[in-house]
Amino acid sequence: FFQTNTAGAELLLAQVLEMAGPLEGALALDLFCGVGTFALPLARRAERVLGLEVAPQSVEAARSNAARNRITN
């Protein structure tokens, strides 16, 4: 998943974070995580995030995005 409409993506992410609620000490799962659009912001709130993705190029992009943003959990 990749939302090319930036304003729409921001609204969607805000909704996901609101629905997730407090995540301190939690494990969050992002199924079909793509490049980490939701997993990486969730990782800033959760103790750990596990993103599952079948497309190797998306997995590599998600890892790169995590490293670029210094997200290690």
C-alpha atoms as a PDB file:
ATOM      1  CA  PHE A   1       0.000   0.000   0.000  1.00  0.00           C
ATOM      2  CA  PHE A   2       1.229   3.449  -0.851  1.00  0.00           C
ATOM      3  CA  GLN A   3      -1.025   6.492  -0.730  1.00  0.00           C
ATOM      4  CA  THR A   4       0.162   9.061  -3.259  1.00  0.00           C
ATOM      5  CA  ASN A   5      -2.233  11.710  -1.968  1.00  0.00           C
ATOM      6  CA  THR A   6      -0.131  13.240   0.828  1.00  0.00           C
ATOM      7  CA  ALA A   7      -3.042  14.931   2.588  1.00  0.00           C
ATOM      8  CA  GLY A   8      -5.052  11.708   2.405  1.00  0.00           C
ATOM      9  CA  ALA A   9      -2.126   9.691   3.726  1.00  0.00           C
ATOM     10  CA  GLU A  10      -1.754  12.020   6.706  1.00  0.00           C
ATOM     11  CA  LEU A  11      -5.461  11.715   7.541  1.00  0.00           C
ATOM     12  CA  LEU A  12      -5.331   7.944   7.193  1.00  0.00           C
ATOM     13  CA  LEU A  13      -2.264   7.679   9.426  1.00  0.00           C
ATOM     14  CA  ALA A  14      -3.855   9.933  12.047  1.00  0.00           C
ATOM     15  CA  GLN A  15      -6.908   7.652  12.061  1.00  0.00           C
ATOM     16  CA  VAL A  16      -4.759   4.517  12.431  1.00  0.00           C
ATOM     17  CA  LEU A  17      -2.814   6.031  15.331  1.00  0.00           C
ATOM     18  CA  GLU A  18      -6.022   7.169  17.025  1.00  0.00           C
ATOM     19  CA  MET A  19      -7.614   3.743  16.645  1.00  0.00           C
ATOM     20  CA  ALA A  20      -4.470   2.014  17.932  1.00  0.00           C
ATOM     21  CA  GLY A  21      -4.635   3.965  21.175  1.00  0.00           C
ATOM     22  CA  PRO A  22      -1.864   3.735  23.757  1.00  0.00           C
ATOM     23  CA  LEU A  23       0.731   1.127  22.837  1.00  0.00           C
ATOM     24  CA  GLU A  24       3.322   1.439  25.585  1.00  0.00           C
ATOM     25  CA  GLY A  25       4.781  -1.994  26.252  1.00  0.00           C
ATOM     26  CA  ALA A  26       2.766  -3.533  23.405  1.00  0.00           C
ATOM     27  CA  LEU A  27       3.617  -5.562  20.348  1.00  0.00           C
ATOM     28  CA  ALA A  28       1.924  -4.112  17.260  1.00  0.00           C
ATOM     29  CA  LEU A  29       1.435  -6.126  14.083  1.00  0.00           C
ATOM     30  CA  ASP A  30       1.249  -4.567  10.633  1.00  0.00           C
ATOM     31  CA  LEU A  31       0.119  -7.198   8.167  1.00  0.00           C
ATOM     32  CA  PHE A  32       0.982  -6.448   4.544  1.00  0.00           C
ATOM     33  CA  CYS A  33       3.128  -3.571   5.823  1.00  0.00           C
ATOM     34  CA  GLY A  34       4.557  -2.478   2.494  1.00  0.00           C
ATOM     35  CA  VAL A  35       7.265   0.134   3.007  1.00  0.00           C
ATOM     36  CA  GLY A  36       6.315   0.758   6.649  1.00  0.00           C
ATOM     37  CA  THR A  37       3.742   3.519   6.171  1.00  0.00           C
ATOM     38  CA  PHE A  38       1.912   2.518   9.352  1.00  0.00           C
ATOM     39  CA  ALA A  39       4.459   0.262  11.068  1.00  0.00           C
ATOM     40  CA  LEU A  40       7.102   2.940  11.501  1.00  0.00           C
ATOM     41  CA  PRO A  41       4.853   5.566  13.165  1.00  0.00           C
ATOM     42  CA  LEU A  42       3.370   2.803  15.341  1.00  0.00           C
ATOM     43  CA  ALA A  43       6.918   1.842  16.363  1.00  0.00           C
ATOM     44  CA  ARG A  44       7.342   5.262  17.941  1.00  0.00           C
ATOM     45  CA  ARG A  45       4.535   4.316  20.358  1.00  0.00           C
ATOM     46  CA  ALA A  46       4.859   0.553  20.823  1.00  0.00           C
ATOM     47  CA  GLU A  47       7.592  -1.439  22.471  1.00  0.00           C
ATOM     48  CA  ARG A  48       7.950  -3.478  19.287  1.00  0.00           C
ATOM     49  CA  VAL A  49       6.356  -3.673  15.843  1.00  0.00           C
ATOM     50  CA  LEU A  50       6.358  -6.682  13.567  1.00  0.00           C
ATOM     51  CA  GLY A  51       5.625  -5.917   9.932  1.00  0.00           C
ATOM     52  CA  LEU A  52       4.763  -8.759   7.580  1.00  0.00           C
ATOM     53  CA  GLU A  53       5.208  -8.344   3.828  1.00  0.00           C
ATOM     54  CA  VAL A  54       5.704 -10.757   0.923  1.00  0.00           C
ATOM     55  CA  ALA A  55       7.233  -8.350  -1.622  1.00  0.00           C
ATOM     56  CA  PRO A  56      11.032  -8.414  -1.125  1.00  0.00           C
ATOM     57  CA  GLN A  57      11.510  -4.901  -2.512  1.00  0.00           C
ATOM     58  CA  SER A  58       8.952  -3.531  -0.046  1.00  0.00           C
ATOM     59  CA  VAL A  59      10.672  -5.305   2.847  1.00  0.00           C
ATOM     60  CA  GLU A  60      13.989  -3.751   1.830  1.00  0.00           C
ATOM     61  CA  ALA A  61      12.380  -0.306   1.530  1.00  0.00           C
ATOM     62  CA  ALA A  62      10.764  -0.695   4.970  1.00  0.00           C
ATOM     63  CA  ARG A  63      14.112  -1.660   6.509  1.00  0.00           C
ATOM     64  CA  SER A  64      15.775   1.296   4.825  1.00  0.00           C
ATOM     65  CA  ASN A  65      13.029   3.646   6.015  1.00  0.00           C
ATOM     66  CA  ALA A  66      13.380   2.331   9.569  1.00  0.00           C
ATOM     67  CA  ALA A  67      17.156   2.819   9.522  1.00  0.00           C
ATOM     68  CA  ARG A  68      16.828   6.297   8.016  1.00  0.00           C
ATOM     69  CA  ASN A  69      14.429   7.227  10.823  1.00  0.00           C
ATOM     70  CA  ARG A  70      16.508   5.502  13.535  1.00  0.00           C
ATOM     71  CA  ILE A  71      13.688   3.106  14.398  1.00  0.00           C
ATOM     72  CA  THR A  72      15.076  -0.146  15.745  1.00  0.00           C
ATOM     73  CA  ASN A  73      12.146  -1.768  17.533  1.00  0.00           C
END
